[in-house]
Protein backbone atom coordinates (compact mmCIF):
# COMPACT_ATOMS: atom_id res chain seq x y z
CA MET A 1 71.29 197.18 15.99
CA SER A 2 70.21 195.85 12.95
CA SER A 3 67.00 197.33 11.88
CA GLN A 4 65.54 194.17 9.09
CA ALA A 5 62.86 192.55 9.21
CA PRO A 6 62.97 188.94 10.31
CA LEU A 7 62.60 186.61 7.09
CA ARG A 8 60.02 184.77 5.80
CA PRO A 9 59.59 181.20 3.72
CA ALA A 10 58.91 181.94 0.41
CA LEU A 11 55.48 180.10 0.62
CA THR A 12 53.00 179.52 2.96
CA ALA A 13 51.90 175.95 4.02
CA GLU A 14 49.04 176.24 1.99
CA GLU A 15 50.47 177.26 -0.89
CA VAL A 16 53.33 174.51 -0.40
CA SER A 17 50.53 172.15 0.00
CA THR A 18 49.13 174.03 -3.44
CA LEU A 19 52.27 173.35 -4.69
CA ILE A 20 53.17 169.32 -4.68
CA ASP A 21 49.15 168.94 -5.16
CA GLU A 22 49.88 169.78 -8.30
CA THR A 23 53.47 168.25 -8.96
CA PHE A 24 53.92 165.65 -6.94
CA PRO A 25 49.96 163.77 -6.36
CA GLU A 26 51.79 160.99 -6.38
CA ILE A 27 51.89 161.44 -2.87
CA HIS A 28 48.40 161.20 -2.08
CA SER A 29 48.40 157.75 -4.17
CA GLN A 30 47.60 155.83 -0.37
CA GLY A 31 45.16 158.76 0.33
CA ARG A 32 45.28 162.13 1.75
CA ARG A 33 47.22 160.88 4.80
CA ILE A 34 50.35 163.36 5.00
CA GLN A 35 49.27 167.25 6.24
CA ILE A 36 52.17 170.59 5.60
CA VAL A 37 50.59 171.23 9.45
CA ALA A 38 52.96 174.71 9.47
CA VAL A 39 56.04 175.95 7.67
CA GLY A 40 58.36 178.68 8.38
CA MET A 41 62.04 179.66 7.36
CA ASN A 42 64.01 177.20 7.79
CA ALA A 43 61.13 174.55 8.92
CA ALA A 44 58.18 172.12 8.48
CA ASP A 45 55.52 171.26 11.35
CA VAL A 46 54.45 167.55 9.06
CA HIS A 47 51.61 165.17 10.90
CA LEU A 48 50.80 161.75 9.13
CA GLU A 49 47.94 160.18 9.87
CA LEU A 50 48.36 156.24 9.81
CA ASP A 51 46.55 153.53 8.19
CA PRO A 52 46.82 150.06 9.14
CA SER A 53 49.52 149.95 5.93
CA SER A 54 51.86 152.13 8.40
CA LEU A 55 51.49 149.12 10.98
CA ARG A 56 54.11 146.57 11.19
CA PRO A 57 53.45 142.96 13.32
CA GLY A 58 53.59 143.80 17.27
CA GLY A 59 51.46 146.96 16.44
CA THR A 60 53.95 150.34 16.18
CA VAL A 61 54.74 152.05 12.82
CA SER A 62 57.07 150.48 10.30
CA GLY A 63 60.42 151.93 9.83
CA PRO A 64 59.49 152.49 6.23
CA THR A 65 56.87 154.69 7.32
CA LEU A 66 59.10 157.15 9.38
CA PHE A 67 61.53 157.14 6.75
CA LEU A 68 58.66 158.96 4.16
CA LEU A 69 57.61 161.39 6.60
CA ALA A 70 61.42 161.74 7.57
CA ASP A 71 62.39 162.13 3.30
CA PHE A 72 58.93 164.12 2.65
CA SER A 73 59.65 166.70 5.59
CA ILE A 74 62.82 167.87 4.55
CA TYR A 75 61.08 168.23 0.74
CA VAL A 76 58.26 170.88 2.54
CA ALA A 77 61.39 172.65 4.75
CA LEU A 78 62.92 172.91 1.88
CA LEU A 79 59.73 174.08 -0.92
CA ALA A 80 58.65 177.01 2.21
CA THR A 81 62.24 178.31 2.15
CA LEU A 82 63.38 177.95 -1.12
CA GLY A 83 60.00 178.60 -3.61
CA PRO A 84 58.88 176.35 -6.19
CA LYS A 85 62.78 176.61 -8.18
CA ALA A 86 63.25 173.87 -5.85
CA ILE A 87 60.29 172.29 -7.29
CA GLN A 88 63.41 169.61 -8.95
CA ALA A 89 65.06 169.13 -5.91
CA VAL A 90 66.15 165.13 -5.26
CA THR A 91 67.29 162.69 -1.76
CA SER A 92 71.09 162.60 -2.34
CA ASN A 93 70.96 160.84 1.15
CA LEU A 94 69.57 159.88 4.74
CA ASN A 95 69.94 159.05 7.49
CA ILE A 96 67.39 157.51 10.47
CA THR A 97 68.45 156.40 13.59
CA PHE A 98 65.47 154.87 15.23
CA LEU A 99 65.08 155.74 18.83
CA ARG A 100 61.78 153.74 20.79
CA ARG A 101 58.97 151.83 19.43
CA PRO A 102 56.97 154.14 17.89
CA ARG A 103 52.63 153.46 19.59
CA PRO A 104 50.69 152.91 16.37
CA VAL A 105 49.40 156.50 16.16
CA ASP A 106 49.43 159.12 14.35
CA VAL A 107 53.40 160.40 13.58
CA ARG A 108 54.29 164.00 13.25
CA ALA A 109 58.00 165.87 11.85
CA GLU A 110 59.62 168.23 12.54
CA ALA A 111 61.68 169.39 9.93
CA ARG A 112 64.83 171.56 10.25
CA LEU A 113 67.04 172.61 7.27
CA ILE A 114 70.59 173.43 8.91
CA ARG A 115 72.71 174.71 5.33
CA VAL A 116 71.34 175.83 2.91
CA GLY A 117 73.68 175.88 -0.46
CA ARG A 118 73.36 176.66 -3.34
CA ARG A 119 73.74 172.53 -4.21
CA LEU A 120 73.00 171.37 -1.18
CA VAL A 121 70.63 171.78 1.86
CA TYR A 122 71.52 169.55 4.89
CA ALA A 123 68.74 168.65 7.20
CA GLU A 124 67.71 167.12 10.25
CA VAL A 125 64.31 165.76 11.35
CA ALA A 126 62.62 164.99 14.33
CA LEU A 127 60.19 162.82 14.60
CA ARG A 128 57.63 161.68 17.80
CA SER A 129 54.60 160.36 17.83
CA ALA A 130 50.91 162.35 18.73
CA GLY A 131 50.53 162.80 21.93
CA SER A 132 54.30 162.61 23.09
CA ASP A 133 57.65 164.94 23.23
CA ASP A 134 59.80 161.26 22.77
CA VAL A 135 61.23 161.74 19.79
CA VAL A 136 60.98 158.68 18.49
CA ALA A 137 62.97 158.72 15.37
CA HIS A 138 66.18 161.39 14.76
CA ALA A 139 67.05 161.32 10.37
CA THR A 140 68.94 163.77 9.23
CA GLY A 141 69.50 164.06 5.19
CA SER A 142 70.83 166.19 2.04
CA TYR A 143 68.68 166.98 -0.72
CA ALA A 144 70.60 168.04 -3.88
CA LEU A 145 69.02 171.24 -5.86
CA PRO A 146 68.41 171.55 -9.25
CA SER A 147 70.57 173.61 -11.18
CA GLN A 148 70.10 177.17 -11.68
CA SER A 149 70.31 177.06 -15.72
CA ALA A 150 67.80 174.40 -15.14
């Protein structure tokens, strides 16, 4: 049996939030609607508070809103896991599948990093309407990491 301590993320949710506020304040250009609820090693739980700009005709959450939340939640999990050295990581691919019509309520994203390599991170995200366990959209994506010499 191994006596190693469980792996812990490099940053807490509060530290990730502060880092983003300092280096990427534009994410809050429409107000502080995105909340980093929790992070873990290779994981993040992020919530988005809806406003009228998040909705589309018919009373549902817009696709671009869900896409934004999926992408950002992967970034949060990445920063929590790797720390400030990953601040310049960029999305290289993101695919989203809309599974059911989301209710016009806040949305939560649960991101999980599946593989963290030297140059690329691959992740998946489950998006759910607040108050429901049903997945409304599923995303997979990858982030390119900055070179070690940068």
